[in-house]
Amino acid sequence: MVDKNSLHILWTNADLNTSRLMVMMYAKNSMLRNWWENVTVIVWGDTARLAAENLVIQEEIRAAQDAGVRFSACIACARELGVIAELEALGIEVISWGPPLTELLKSDGKLITI
């Protein structure tokens, strides 16, 4: 069953301004302004390295988490980039995202890809 009140943001663009001014801004404001009941940002690809290494993005992640946004990262990407521990230290769940993403897509869940 599709949860029409949940949004997933597949964050693959590691550009700092796109990350700050779209992904983080929309995710955080979605929770603060009650646009969505649940927001999950999926950290995929080089965004895992950006999150692990960039202090500005880490501050943005913490602010979004404080607003209720959930973050979850692709373990294959995090492993390849050597940043699993850094992501976990930020409170980001690190899991295999292939099956859940496939299920989300098959069930017509709400997904924005950036």
PDB file of N, CA and C in Angstrom:
ATOM      1  N   MET A   1       0.830  -1.179   0.000  1.00  0.00           N
ATOM      2  CA  MET A   1       0.000   0.000   0.000  1.00  0.00           C
ATOM      3  C   MET A   1       0.882   1.253   0.000  1.00  0.00           C
ATOM      4  N   VAL A   2       0.531   2.199  -0.833  1.00  0.00           N
ATOM      5  CA  VAL A   2       1.284   3.439  -0.950  1.00  0.00           C
ATOM      6  C   VAL A   2       0.878   4.393   0.170  1.00  0.00           C
ATOM      7  N   ASP A   3       1.870   4.954   0.839  1.00  0.00           N
ATOM      8  CA  ASP A   3       1.622   5.964   1.861  1.00  0.00           C
ATOM      9  C   ASP A   3       1.674   7.322   1.177  1.00  0.00           C
ATOM     10  N   LYS A   4       0.536   7.916   0.936  1.00  0.00           N
ATOM     11  CA  LYS A   4       0.457   9.173   0.202  1.00  0.00           C
ATOM     12  C   LYS A   4       0.952  10.367   1.008  1.00  0.00           C
ATOM     13  N   ASN A   5       1.281  10.153   2.278  1.00  0.00           N
ATOM     14  CA  ASN A   5       1.770  11.236   3.121  1.00  0.00           C
ATOM     15  C   ASN A   5       3.266  11.159   3.369  1.00  0.00           C
ATOM     16  N   SER A   6       3.939  10.276   2.633  1.00  0.00           N
ATOM     17  CA  SER A   6       5.389  10.120   2.786  1.00  0.00           C
ATOM     18  C   SER A   6       6.086  10.466   1.484  1.00  0.00           C
ATOM     19  N   LEU A   7       7.188  11.172   1.613  1.00  0.00           N
ATOM     20  CA  LEU A   7       8.000  11.558   0.469  1.00  0.00           C
ATOM     21  C   LEU A   7       9.408  11.008   0.640  1.00  0.00           C
ATOM     22  N   HIS A   8       9.948  10.487  -0.446  1.00  0.00           N
ATOM     23  CA  HIS A   8      11.359  10.085  -0.485  1.00  0.00           C
ATOM     24  C   HIS A   8      12.058  10.996  -1.485  1.00  0.00           C
ATOM     25  N   ILE A   9      13.228  11.468  -1.103  1.00  0.00           N
ATOM     26  CA  ILE A   9      14.058  12.274  -1.998  1.00  0.00           C
ATOM     27  C   ILE A   9      15.321  11.478  -2.267  1.00  0.00           C
ATOM     28  N   LEU A  10      15.506  11.071  -3.519  1.00  0.00           N
ATOM     29  CA  LEU A  10      16.703  10.335  -3.925  1.00  0.00           C
ATOM     30  C   LEU A  10      17.761  11.374  -4.287  1.00  0.00           C
ATOM     31  N   TRP A  11      18.716  11.550  -3.389  1.00  0.00           N
ATOM     32  CA  TRP A  11      19.727  12.605  -3.492  1.00  0.00           C
ATOM     33  C   TRP A  11      20.985  12.037  -4.133  1.00  0.00           C
ATOM     34  N   THR A  12      21.188  12.347  -5.407  1.00  0.00           N
ATOM     35  CA  THR A  12      22.341  11.828  -6.145  1.00  0.00           C
ATOM     36  C   THR A  12      23.257  12.933  -6.654  1.00  0.00           C
ATOM     37  N   ASN A  13      22.801  14.181  -6.590  1.00  0.00           N
ATOM     38  CA  ASN A  13      23.570  15.305  -7.112  1.00  0.00           C
ATOM     39  C   ASN A  13      24.417  15.891  -5.997  1.00  0.00           C
ATOM     40  N   ALA A  14      25.736  15.762  -6.104  1.00  0.00           N
ATOM     41  CA  ALA A  14      26.640  16.200  -5.045  1.00  0.00           C
ATOM     42  C   ALA A  14      27.069  17.656  -5.181  1.00  0.00           C
ATOM     43  N   ASP A  15      26.398  18.419  -6.028  1.00  0.00           N
ATOM     44  CA  ASP A  15      26.677  19.846  -6.130  1.00  0.00           C
ATOM     45  C   ASP A  15      26.245  20.524  -4.823  1.00  0.00           C
ATOM     46  N   LEU A  16      27.100  21.312  -4.232  1.00  0.00           N
ATOM     47  CA  LEU A  16      26.835  21.913  -2.930  1.00  0.00           C
ATOM     48  C   LEU A  16      25.589  22.787  -2.941  1.00  0.00           C
ATOM     49  N   ASN A  17      25.459  23.667  -3.939  1.00  0.00           N
ATOM     50  CA  ASN A  17      24.302  24.560  -3.971  1.00  0.00           C
ATOM     51  C   ASN A  17      23.001  23.821  -4.222  1.00  0.00           C
ATOM     52  N   THR A  18      23.017  22.836  -5.096  1.00  0.00           N
ATOM     53  CA  THR A  18      21.816  22.035  -5.332  1.00  0.00           C
ATOM     54  C   THR A  18      21.440  21.278  -4.058  1.00  0.00           C
ATOM     55  N   SER A  19      22.427  20.767  -3.390  1.00  0.00           N
ATOM     56  CA  SER A  19      22.182  20.022  -2.151  1.00  0.00           C
ATOM     57  C   SER A  19      21.577  20.917  -1.078  1.00  0.00           C
ATOM     58  N   ARG A  20      22.135  22.102  -0.913  1.00  0.00           N
ATOM     59  CA  ARG A  20      21.655  23.041   0.113  1.00  0.00           C
ATOM     60  C   ARG A  20      20.306  23.648  -0.246  1.00  0.00           C
ATOM     61  N   LEU A  21      20.227  24.152  -1.483  1.00  0.00           N
ATOM     62  CA  LEU A  21      19.096  24.994  -1.857  1.00  0.00           C
ATOM     63  C   LEU A  21      17.918  24.251  -2.449  1.00  0.00           C
ATOM     64  N   MET A  22      18.055  22.952  -2.653  1.00  0.00           N
ATOM     65  CA  MET A  22      16.898  22.167  -3.084  1.00  0.00           C
ATOM     66  C   MET A  22      16.651  21.039  -2.109  1.00  0.00           C
ATOM     67  N   VAL A  23      17.586  20.096  -2.039  1.00  0.00           N
ATOM     68  CA  VAL A  23      17.372  18.889  -1.239  1.00  0.00           C
ATOM     69  C   VAL A  23      17.125  19.234   0.225  1.00  0.00           C
ATOM     70  N   MET A  24      18.073  19.909   0.851  1.00  0.00           N
ATOM     71  CA  MET A  24      17.952  20.195   2.278  1.00  0.00           C
ATOM     72  C   MET A  24      16.825  21.191   2.558  1.00  0.00           C
ATOM     73  N   MET A  25      16.721  22.216   1.731  1.00  0.00           N
ATOM     74  CA  MET A  25      15.687  23.224   1.953  1.00  0.00           C
ATOM     75  C   MET A  25      14.286  22.623   1.853  1.00  0.00           C
ATOM     76  N   TYR A  26      14.051  21.850   0.798  1.00  0.00           N
ATOM     77  CA  TYR A  26      12.712  21.288   0.620  1.00  0.00           C
ATOM     78  C   TYR A  26      12.409  20.222   1.674  1.00  0.00           C
ATOM     79  N   ALA A  27      13.378  19.367   1.956  1.00  0.00           N
ATOM     80  CA  ALA A  27      13.155  18.309   2.949  1.00  0.00           C
ATOM     81  C   ALA A  27      12.817  18.915   4.309  1.00  0.00           C
ATOM     82  N   LYS A  28      13.621  19.865   4.755  1.00  0.00           N
ATOM     83  CA  LYS A  28      13.409  20.472   6.071  1.00  0.00           C
ATOM     84  C   LYS A  28      12.078  21.234   6.117  1.00  0.00           C
ATOM     85  N   ASN A  29      11.824  22.051   5.120  1.00  0.00           N
ATOM     86  CA  ASN A  29      10.585  22.828   5.120  1.00  0.00           C
ATOM     87  C   ASN A  29       9.350  21.952   4.963  1.00  0.00           C
ATOM     88  N   SER A  30       9.497  20.820   4.309  1.00  0.00           N
ATOM     89  CA  SER A  30       8.368  19.896   4.190  1.00  0.00           C
ATOM     90  C   SER A  30       7.889  19.422   5.552  1.00  0.00           C
ATOM     91  N   MET A  31       8.820  19.220   6.448  1.00  0.00           N
ATOM     92  CA  MET A  31       8.457  18.784   7.789  1.00  0.00           C
ATOM     93  C   MET A  31       8.005  19.972   8.655  1.00  0.00           C
ATOM     94  N   LEU A  32       8.734  21.065   8.588  1.00  0.00           N
ATOM     95  CA  LEU A  32       8.399  22.230   9.414  1.00  0.00           C
ATOM     96  C   LEU A  32       7.041  22.825   9.054  1.00  0.00           C
ATOM     97  N   ARG A  33       6.667  22.744   7.784  1.00  0.00           N
ATOM     98  CA  ARG A  33       5.414  23.344   7.314  1.00  0.00           C
ATOM     99  C   ARG A  33       4.306  22.318   7.094  1.00  0.00           C
ATOM    100  N   ASN A  34       4.594  21.077   7.512  1.00  0.00           N
ATOM    101  CA  ASN A  34       3.607  19.993   7.422  1.00  0.00           C
ATOM    102  C   ASN A  34       3.112  19.724   6.001  1.00  0.00           C
ATOM    103  N   TRP A  35       4.004  19.849   5.029  1.00  0.00           N
ATOM    104  CA  TRP A  35       3.645  19.510   3.655  1.00  0.00           C
ATOM    105  C   TRP A  35       3.545  17.994   3.501  1.00  0.00           C
ATOM    106  N   TRP A  36       4.377  17.272   4.246  1.00  0.00           N
ATOM    107  CA  TRP A  36       4.413  15.812   4.259  1.00  0.00           C
ATOM    108  C   TRP A  36       4.485  15.362   5.705  1.00  0.00           C
ATOM    109  N   GLU A  37       3.927  14.202   5.994  1.00  0.00           N
ATOM    110  CA  GLU A  37       4.047  13.649   7.347  1.00  0.00           C
ATOM    111  C   GLU A  37       5.419  13.040   7.578  1.00  0.00           C
ATOM    112  N   ASN A  38       5.978  12.441   6.537  1.00  0.00           N
ATOM    113  CA  ASN A  38       7.285  11.770   6.622  1.00  0.00           C
ATOM    114  C   ASN A  38       8.117  12.145   5.407  1.00  0.00           C
ATOM    115  N   VAL A  39       9.377  12.470   5.650  1.00  0.00           N
ATOM    116  CA  VAL A  39      10.315  12.742   4.561  1.00  0.00           C
ATOM    117  C   VAL A  39      11.574  11.933   4.830  1.00  0.00           C
ATOM    118  N   THR A  40      11.993  11.183   3.819  1.00  0.00           N
ATOM    119  CA  THR A  40      13.243  10.425   3.888  1.00  0.00           C
ATOM    120  C   THR A  40      14.136  10.859   2.748  1.00  0.00           C
ATOM    121  N   VAL A  41      15.360  11.255   3.068  1.00  0.00           N
ATOM    122  CA  VAL A  41      16.353  11.569   2.053  1.00  0.00           C
ATOM    123  C   VAL A  41      17.244  10.347   1.892  1.00  0.00           C
ATOM    124  N   ILE A  42      17.310   9.838   0.670  1.00  0.00           N
ATOM    125  CA  ILE A  42      18.148   8.676   0.353  1.00  0.00           C
ATOM    126  C   ILE A  42      19.469   9.192  -0.212  1.00  0.00           C
ATOM    127  N   VAL A  43      20.541   8.946   0.507  1.00  0.00           N
ATOM    128  CA  VAL A  43      21.876   9.394   0.121  1.00  0.00           C
ATOM    129  C   VAL A  43      22.469   8.335  -0.803  1.00  0.00           C
ATOM    130  N   TRP A  44      22.728   8.731  -2.068  1.00  0.00           N
ATOM    131  CA  TRP A  44      23.140   7.744  -3.063  1.00  0.00           C
ATOM    132  C   TRP A  44      24.261   8.323  -3.914  1.00  0.00           C
ATOM    133  N   GLY A  45      25.275   7.532  -4.178  1.00  0.00           N
ATOM    134  CA  GLY A  45      26.382   7.981  -5.028  1.00  0.00           C
ATOM    135  C   GLY A  45      27.311   8.911  -4.277  1.00  0.00           C
ATOM    136  N   ASP A  46      27.833   9.917  -4.991  1.00  0.00           N
ATOM    137  CA  ASP A  46      28.843  10.794  -4.409  1.00  0.00           C
ATOM    138  C   ASP A  46      28.292  11.721  -3.330  1.00  0.00           C
ATOM    139  N   THR A  47      26.965  11.763  -3.166  1.00  0.00           N
ATOM    140  CA  THR A  47      26.418  12.543  -2.061  1.00  0.00           C
ATOM    141  C   THR A  47      26.843  11.949  -0.720  1.00  0.00           C
ATOM    142  N   ALA A  48      27.156  10.662  -0.707  1.00  0.00           N
ATOM    143  CA  ALA A  48      27.654  10.038   0.522  1.00  0.00           C
ATOM    144  C   ALA A  48      28.977  10.673   0.942  1.00  0.00           C
ATOM    145  N   ARG A  49      29.853  10.908  -0.016  1.00  0.00           N
ATOM    146  CA  ARG A  49      31.143  11.557   0.288  1.00  0.00           C
ATOM    147  C   ARG A  49      30.913  13.007   0.703  1.00  0.00           C
ATOM    148  N   LEU A  50      30.014  13.709   0.000  1.00  0.00           N
ATOM    149  CA  LEU A  50      29.713  15.099   0.351  1.00  0.00           C
ATOM    150  C   LEU A  50      29.215  15.187   1.784  1.00  0.00           C
ATOM    151  N   ALA A  51      28.293  14.323   2.152  1.00  0.00           N
ATOM    152  CA  ALA A  51      27.751  14.329   3.514  1.00  0.00           C
ATOM    153  C   ALA A  51      28.835  14.006   4.543  1.00  0.00           C
ATOM    154  N   ALA A  52      29.705  13.092   4.210  1.00  0.00           N
ATOM    155  CA  ALA A  52      30.745  12.664   5.146  1.00  0.00           C
ATOM    156  C   ALA A  52      31.836  13.717   5.341  1.00  0.00           C
ATOM    157  N   GLU A  53      32.080  14.547   4.324  1.00  0.00           N
ATOM    158  CA  GLU A  53      33.241  15.428   4.353  1.00  0.00           C
ATOM    159  C   GLU A  53      32.932  16.916   4.462  1.00  0.00           C
ATOM    160  N   ASN A  54      31.740  17.352   4.096  1.00  0.00           N
ATOM    161  CA  ASN A  54      31.453  18.777   4.000  1.00  0.00           C
ATOM    162  C   ASN A  54      30.724  19.277   5.259  1.00  0.00           C
ATOM    163  N   LEU A  55      31.347  20.179   5.981  1.00  0.00           N
ATOM    164  CA  LEU A  55      30.782  20.677   7.233  1.00  0.00           C
ATOM    165  C   LEU A  55      29.484  21.460   7.027  1.00  0.00           C
ATOM    166  N   VAL A  56      29.375  22.174   5.927  1.00  0.00           N
ATOM    167  CA  VAL A  56      28.146  22.921   5.640  1.00  0.00           C
ATOM    168  C   VAL A  56      26.985  21.951   5.448  1.00  0.00           C
ATOM    169  N   ILE A  57      27.192  20.908   4.679  1.00  0.00           N
ATOM    170  CA  ILE A  57      26.132  19.914   4.451  1.00  0.00           C
ATOM    171  C   ILE A  57      25.824  19.169   5.748  1.00  0.00           C
ATOM    172  N   GLN A  58      26.834  18.904   6.550  1.00  0.00           N
ATOM    173  CA  GLN A  58      26.581  18.237   7.828  1.00  0.00           C
ATOM    174  C   GLN A  58      25.674  19.091   8.716  1.00  0.00           C
ATOM    175  N   GLU A  59      25.882  20.402   8.723  1.00  0.00           N
ATOM    176  CA  GLU A  59      24.998  21.297   9.478  1.00  0.00           C
ATOM    177  C   GLU A  59      23.581  21.260   8.915  1.00  0.00           C
ATOM    178  N   GLU A  60      23.469  21.229   7.595  1.00  0.00           N
ATOM    179  CA  GLU A  60      22.156  21.166   6.943  1.00  0.00           C
ATOM    180  C   GLU A  60      21.448  19.850   7.290  1.00  0.00           C
ATOM    181  N   ILE A  61      22.196  18.751   7.289  1.00  0.00           N
ATOM    182  CA  ILE A  61      21.627  17.442   7.641  1.00  0.00           C
ATOM    183  C   ILE A  61      21.117  17.465   9.077  1.00  0.00           C
ATOM    184  N   ARG A  62      21.908  17.990   9.997  1.00  0.00           N
ATOM    185  CA  ARG A  62      21.481  18.054  11.400  1.00  0.00           C
ATOM    186  C   ARG A  62      20.216  18.894  11.564  1.00  0.00           C
ATOM    187  N   ALA A  63      20.149  20.027  10.862  1.00  0.00           N
ATOM    188  CA  ALA A  63      18.959  20.885  10.949  1.00  0.00           C
ATOM    189  C   ALA A  63      17.740  20.155  10.404  1.00  0.00           C
ATOM    190  N   ALA A  64      17.918  19.434   9.303  1.00  0.00           N
ATOM    191  CA  ALA A  64      16.804  18.663   8.727  1.00  0.00           C
ATOM    192  C   ALA A  64      16.394  17.537   9.669  1.00  0.00           C
ATOM    193  N   GLN A  65      17.364  16.850  10.250  1.00  0.00           N
ATOM    194  CA  GLN A  65      17.053  15.796  11.219  1.00  0.00           C
ATOM    195  C   GLN A  65      16.288  16.364  12.406  1.00  0.00           C
ATOM    196  N   ASP A  66      16.700  17.532  12.875  1.00  0.00           N
ATOM    197  CA  ASP A  66      16.007  18.177  13.993  1.00  0.00           C
ATOM    198  C   ASP A  66      14.556  18.491  13.640  1.00  0.00           C
ATOM    199  N   ALA A  67      14.297  18.726  12.360  1.00  0.00           N
ATOM    200  CA  ALA A  67      12.933  19.006  11.896  1.00  0.00           C
ATOM    201  C   ALA A  67      12.132  17.719  11.682  1.00  0.00           C
ATOM    202  N   GLY A  68      12.808  16.562  11.754  1.00  0.00           N
ATOM    203  CA  GLY A  68      12.116  15.286  11.607  1.00  0.00           C
ATOM    204  C   GLY A  68      12.403  14.535  10.328  1.00  0.00           C
ATOM    205  N   VAL A  69      13.304  15.048   9.497  1.00  0.00           N
ATOM    206  CA  VAL A  69      13.673  14.363   8.259  1.00  0.00           C
ATOM    207  C   VAL A  69      14.558  13.167   8.593  1.00  0.00           C
ATOM    208  N   ARG A  70      14.263  12.056   7.958  1.00  0.00           N
ATOM    209  CA  ARG A  70      15.046  10.822   8.122  1.00  0.00           C
ATOM    210  C   ARG A  70      16.054  10.748   6.982  1.00  0.00           C
ATOM    211  N   PHE A  71      17.274  10.326   7.267  1.00  0.00           N
ATOM    212  CA  PHE A  71      18.302  10.135   6.249  1.00  0.00           C
ATOM    213  C   PHE A  71      18.722   8.676   6.240  1.00  0.00           C
ATOM    214  N   SER A  72      18.878   8.139   5.043  1.00  0.00           N
ATOM    215  CA  SER A  72      19.296   6.752   4.875  1.00  0.00           C
ATOM    216  C   SER A  72      20.192   6.674   3.648  1.00  0.00           C
ATOM    217  N   ALA A  73      21.305   5.971   3.755  1.00  0.00           N
ATOM    218  CA  ALA A  73      22.294   5.928   2.677  1.00  0.00           C
ATOM    219  C   ALA A  73      22.440   4.531   2.089  1.00  0.00           C
ATOM    220  N   CYS A  74      22.812   4.514   0.831  1.00  0.00           N
ATOM    221  CA  CYS A  74      23.113   3.268   0.116  1.00  0.00           C
ATOM    222  C   CYS A  74      24.428   2.702   0.643  1.00  0.00           C
ATOM    223  N   ILE A  75      24.379   1.492   1.168  1.00  0.00           N
ATOM    224  CA  ILE A  75      25.584   0.893   1.748  1.00  0.00           C
ATOM    225  C   ILE A  75      26.645   0.588   0.695  1.00  0.00           C
ATOM    226  N   ALA A  76      26.231   0.217  -0.512  1.00  0.00           N
ATOM    227  CA  ALA A  76      27.211  -0.084  -1.558  1.00  0.00           C
ATOM    228  C   ALA A  76      28.011   1.171  -1.909  1.00  0.00           C
ATOM    229  N   CYS A  77      27.333   2.298  -2.013  1.00  0.00           N
ATOM    230  CA  CYS A  77      28.014   3.558  -2.311  1.00  0.00           C
ATOM    231  C   CYS A  77      28.926   3.957  -1.159  1.00  0.00           C
ATOM    232  N   ALA A  78      28.407   3.885   0.060  1.00  0.00           N
ATOM    233  CA  ALA A  78      29.188   4.268   1.236  1.00  0.00           C
ATOM    234  C   ALA A  78      30.421   3.386   1.386  1.00  0.00           C
ATOM    235  N   ARG A  79      30.259   2.104   1.107  1.00  0.00           N
ATOM    236  CA  ARG A  79      31.396   1.176   1.191  1.00  0.00           C
ATOM    237  C   ARG A  79      32.433   1.519   0.131  1.00  0.00           C
ATOM    238  N   GLU A  80      31.980   1.723  -1.097  1.00  0.00           N
ATOM    239  CA  GLU A  80      32.882   2.042  -2.215  1.00  0.00           C
ATOM    240  C   GLU A  80      33.672   3.325  -1.929  1.00  0.00           C
ATOM    241  N   LEU A  81      33.025   4.296  -1.306  1.00  0.00           N
ATOM    242  CA  LEU A  81      33.656   5.587  -1.027  1.00  0.00           C
ATOM    243  C   LEU A  81      34.350   5.625   0.329  1.00  0.00           C
ATOM    244  N   GLY A  82      34.216   4.556   1.112  1.00  0.00           N
ATOM    245  CA  GLY A  82      34.887   4.470   2.402  1.00  0.00           C
ATOM    246  C   GLY A  82      34.354   5.432   3.447  1.00  0.00           C
ATOM    247  N   VAL A  83      33.015   5.648   3.466  1.00  0.00           N
ATOM    248  CA  VAL A  83      32.449   6.643   4.385  1.00  0.00           C
ATOM    249  C   VAL A  83      31.339   6.092   5.285  1.00  0.00           C
ATOM    250  N   ILE A  84      31.257   4.790   5.454  1.00  0.00           N
ATOM    251  CA  ILE A  84      30.191   4.214   6.281  1.00  0.00           C
ATOM    252  C   ILE A  84      30.222   4.787   7.696  1.00  0.00           C
ATOM    253  N   ALA A  85      31.369   4.761   8.345  1.00  0.00           N
ATOM    254  CA  ALA A  85      31.470   5.228   9.731  1.00  0.00           C
ATOM    255  C   ALA A  85      31.103   6.700   9.861  1.00  0.00           C
ATOM    256  N   GLU A  86      31.525   7.512   8.902  1.00  0.00           N
ATOM    257  CA  GLU A  86      31.228   8.940   8.951  1.00  0.00           C
ATOM    258  C   GLU A  86      29.730   9.196   8.831  1.00  0.00           C
ATOM    259  N   LEU A  87      29.063   8.453   7.945  1.00  0.00           N
ATOM    260  CA  LEU A  87      27.616   8.620   7.780  1.00  0.00           C
ATOM    261  C   LEU A  87      26.883   8.166   9.036  1.00  0.00           C
ATOM    262  N   GLU A  88      27.278   7.039   9.569  1.00  0.00           N
ATOM    263  CA  GLU A  88      26.634   6.548  10.790  1.00  0.00           C
ATOM    264  C   GLU A  88      26.839   7.524  11.949  1.00  0.00           C
ATOM    265  N   ALA A  89      28.007   8.165  12.009  1.00  0.00           N
ATOM    266  CA  ALA A  89      28.271   9.146  13.062  1.00  0.00           C
ATOM    267  C   ALA A  89      27.346  10.363  12.943  1.00  0.00           C
ATOM    268  N   LEU A  90      26.855  10.610  11.735  1.00  0.00           N
ATOM    269  CA  LEU A  90      25.909  11.702  11.506  1.00  0.00           C
ATOM    270  C   LEU A  90      24.464  11.276  11.780  1.00  0.00           C
ATOM    271  N   GLY A  91      24.286  10.036  12.201  1.00  0.00           N
ATOM    272  CA  GLY A  91      22.940   9.536  12.460  1.00  0.00           C
ATOM    273  C   GLY A  91      22.210   9.106  11.200  1.00  0.00           C
ATOM    274  N   ILE A  92      22.969   8.822  10.161  1.00  0.00           N
ATOM    275  CA  ILE A  92      22.393   8.379   8.893  1.00  0.00           C
ATOM    276  C   ILE A  92      22.407   6.856   8.857  1.00  0.00           C
ATOM    277  N   GLU A  93      21.250   6.279   8.644  1.00  0.00           N
ATOM    278  CA  GLU A  93      21.125   4.831   8.485  1.00  0.00           C
ATOM    279  C   GLU A  93      21.849   4.442   7.189  1.00  0.00           C
ATOM    280  N   VAL A  94      22.575   3.325   7.212  1.00  0.00           N
ATOM    281  CA  VAL A  94      23.290   2.842   6.029  1.00  0.00           C
ATOM    282  C   VAL A  94      22.803   1.425   5.746  1.00  0.00           C
ATOM    283  N   ILE A  95      22.083   1.267   4.614  1.00  0.00           N
ATOM    284  CA  ILE A  95      21.460  -0.020   4.283  1.00  0.00           C
ATOM    285  C   ILE A  95      21.566  -0.300   2.792  1.00  0.00           C
ATOM    286  N   SER A  96      21.182  -1.485   2.411  1.00  0.00           N
ATOM    287  CA  SER A  96      21.060  -1.836   0.996  1.00  0.00           C
ATOM    288  C   SER A  96      19.765  -1.217   0.477  1.00  0.00           C
ATOM    289  N   TRP A  97      19.872  -0.262  -0.427  1.00  0.00           N
ATOM    290  CA  TRP A  97      18.700   0.469  -0.891  1.00  0.00           C
ATOM    291  C   TRP A  97      18.093  -0.076  -2.175  1.00  0.00           C
ATOM    292  N   GLY A  98      18.747  -1.014  -2.852  1.00  0.00           N
ATOM    293  CA  GLY A  98      18.192  -1.548  -4.097  1.00  0.00           C
ATOM    294  C   GLY A  98      16.782  -2.092  -3.937  1.00  0.00           C
ATOM    295  N   PRO A  99      16.553  -3.055  -3.039  1.00  0.00           N
ATOM    296  CA  PRO A  99      15.203  -3.607  -2.885  1.00  0.00           C
ATOM    297  C   PRO A  99      14.162  -2.586  -2.406  1.00  0.00           C
ATOM    298  N   PRO A 100      14.441  -1.759  -1.370  1.00  0.00           N
ATOM    299  CA  PRO A 100      13.411  -0.805  -0.960  1.00  0.00           C
ATOM    300  C   PRO A 100      13.088   0.236  -2.040  1.00  0.00           C
ATOM    301  N   LEU A 101      14.106   0.678  -2.789  1.00  0.00           N
ATOM    302  CA  LEU A 101      13.846   1.642  -3.860  1.00  0.00           C
ATOM    303  C   LEU A 101      12.986   1.012  -4.946  1.00  0.00           C
ATOM    304  N   THR A 102      13.282  -0.237  -5.286  1.00  0.00           N
ATOM    305  CA  THR A 102      12.479  -0.941  -6.284  1.00  0.00           C
ATOM    306  C   THR A 102      11.036  -1.064  -5.828  1.00  0.00           C
ATOM    307  N   GLU A 103      10.832  -1.416  -4.569  1.00  0.00           N
ATOM    308  CA  GLU A 103       9.471  -1.533  -4.032  1.00  0.00           C
ATOM    309  C   GLU A 103       8.768  -0.181  -4.027  1.00  0.00           C
ATOM    310  N   LEU A 104       9.476   0.853  -3.659  1.00  0.00           N
ATOM    311  CA  LEU A 104       8.908   2.198  -3.669  1.00  0.00           C
ATOM    312  C   LEU A 104       8.436   2.576  -5.074  1.00  0.00           C
ATOM    313  N   LEU A 105       9.259   2.301  -6.064  1.00  0.00           N
ATOM    314  CA  LEU A 105       8.903   2.620  -7.446  1.00  0.00           C
ATOM    315  C   LEU A 105       7.734   1.777  -7.947  1.00  0.00           C
ATOM    316  N   LYS A 106       7.746   0.502  -7.626  1.00  0.00           N
ATOM    317  CA  LYS A 106       6.666  -0.385  -8.062  1.00  0.00           C
ATOM    318  C   LYS A 106       5.333  -0.039  -7.418  1.00  0.00           C
ATOM    319  N   SER A 107       5.388   0.535  -6.225  1.00  0.00           N
ATOM    320  CA  SER A 107       4.153   0.855  -5.509  1.00  0.00           C
ATOM    321  C   SER A 107       3.683   2.289  -5.785  1.00  0.00           C
ATOM    322  N   ASP A 108       4.360   2.973  -6.703  1.00  0.00           N
ATOM    323  CA  ASP A 108       4.017   4.362  -7.039  1.00  0.00           C
ATOM    324  C   ASP A 108       4.131   5.297  -5.858  1.00  0.00           C
ATOM    325  N   GLY A 109       5.127   5.050  -5.011  1.00  0.00           N
ATOM    326  CA  GLY A 109       5.382   5.952  -3.891  1.00  0.00           C
ATOM    327  C   GLY A 109       5.859   7.297  -4.388  1.00  0.00           C
ATOM    328  N   LYS A 110       5.777   8.293  -3.534  1.00  0.00           N
ATOM    329  CA  LYS A 110       6.194   9.661  -3.895  1.00  0.00           C
ATOM    330  C   LYS A 110       7.712   9.760  -3.809  1.00  0.00           C
ATOM    331  N   LEU A 111       8.336  10.056  -4.962  1.00  0.00           N
ATOM    332  CA  LEU A 111       9.794  10.092  -5.044  1.00  0.00           C
ATOM    333  C   LEU A 111      10.221  11.278  -5.905  1.00  0.00           C
ATOM    334  N   ILE A 112      11.113  12.092  -5.350  1.00  0.00           N
ATOM    335  CA  ILE A 112      11.768  13.147  -6.111  1.00  0.00           C
ATOM    336  C   ILE A 112      13.214  12.696  -6.282  1.00  0.00           C
ATOM    337  N   THR A 113      13.745  12.818  -7.482  1.00  0.00           N
ATOM    338  CA  THR A 113      15.146  12.467  -7.741  1.00  0.00           C
ATOM    339  C   THR A 113      15.912  13.733  -8.080  1.00  0.00           C
ATOM    340  N   ILE A 114      16.953  14.001  -7.286  1.00  0.00           N
ATOM    341  CA  ILE A 114      17.775  15.185  -7.481  1.00  0.00           C
ATOM    342  C   ILE A 114      19.210  14.744  -7.708  1.00  0.00           C
TER     343      ILE A 114
END
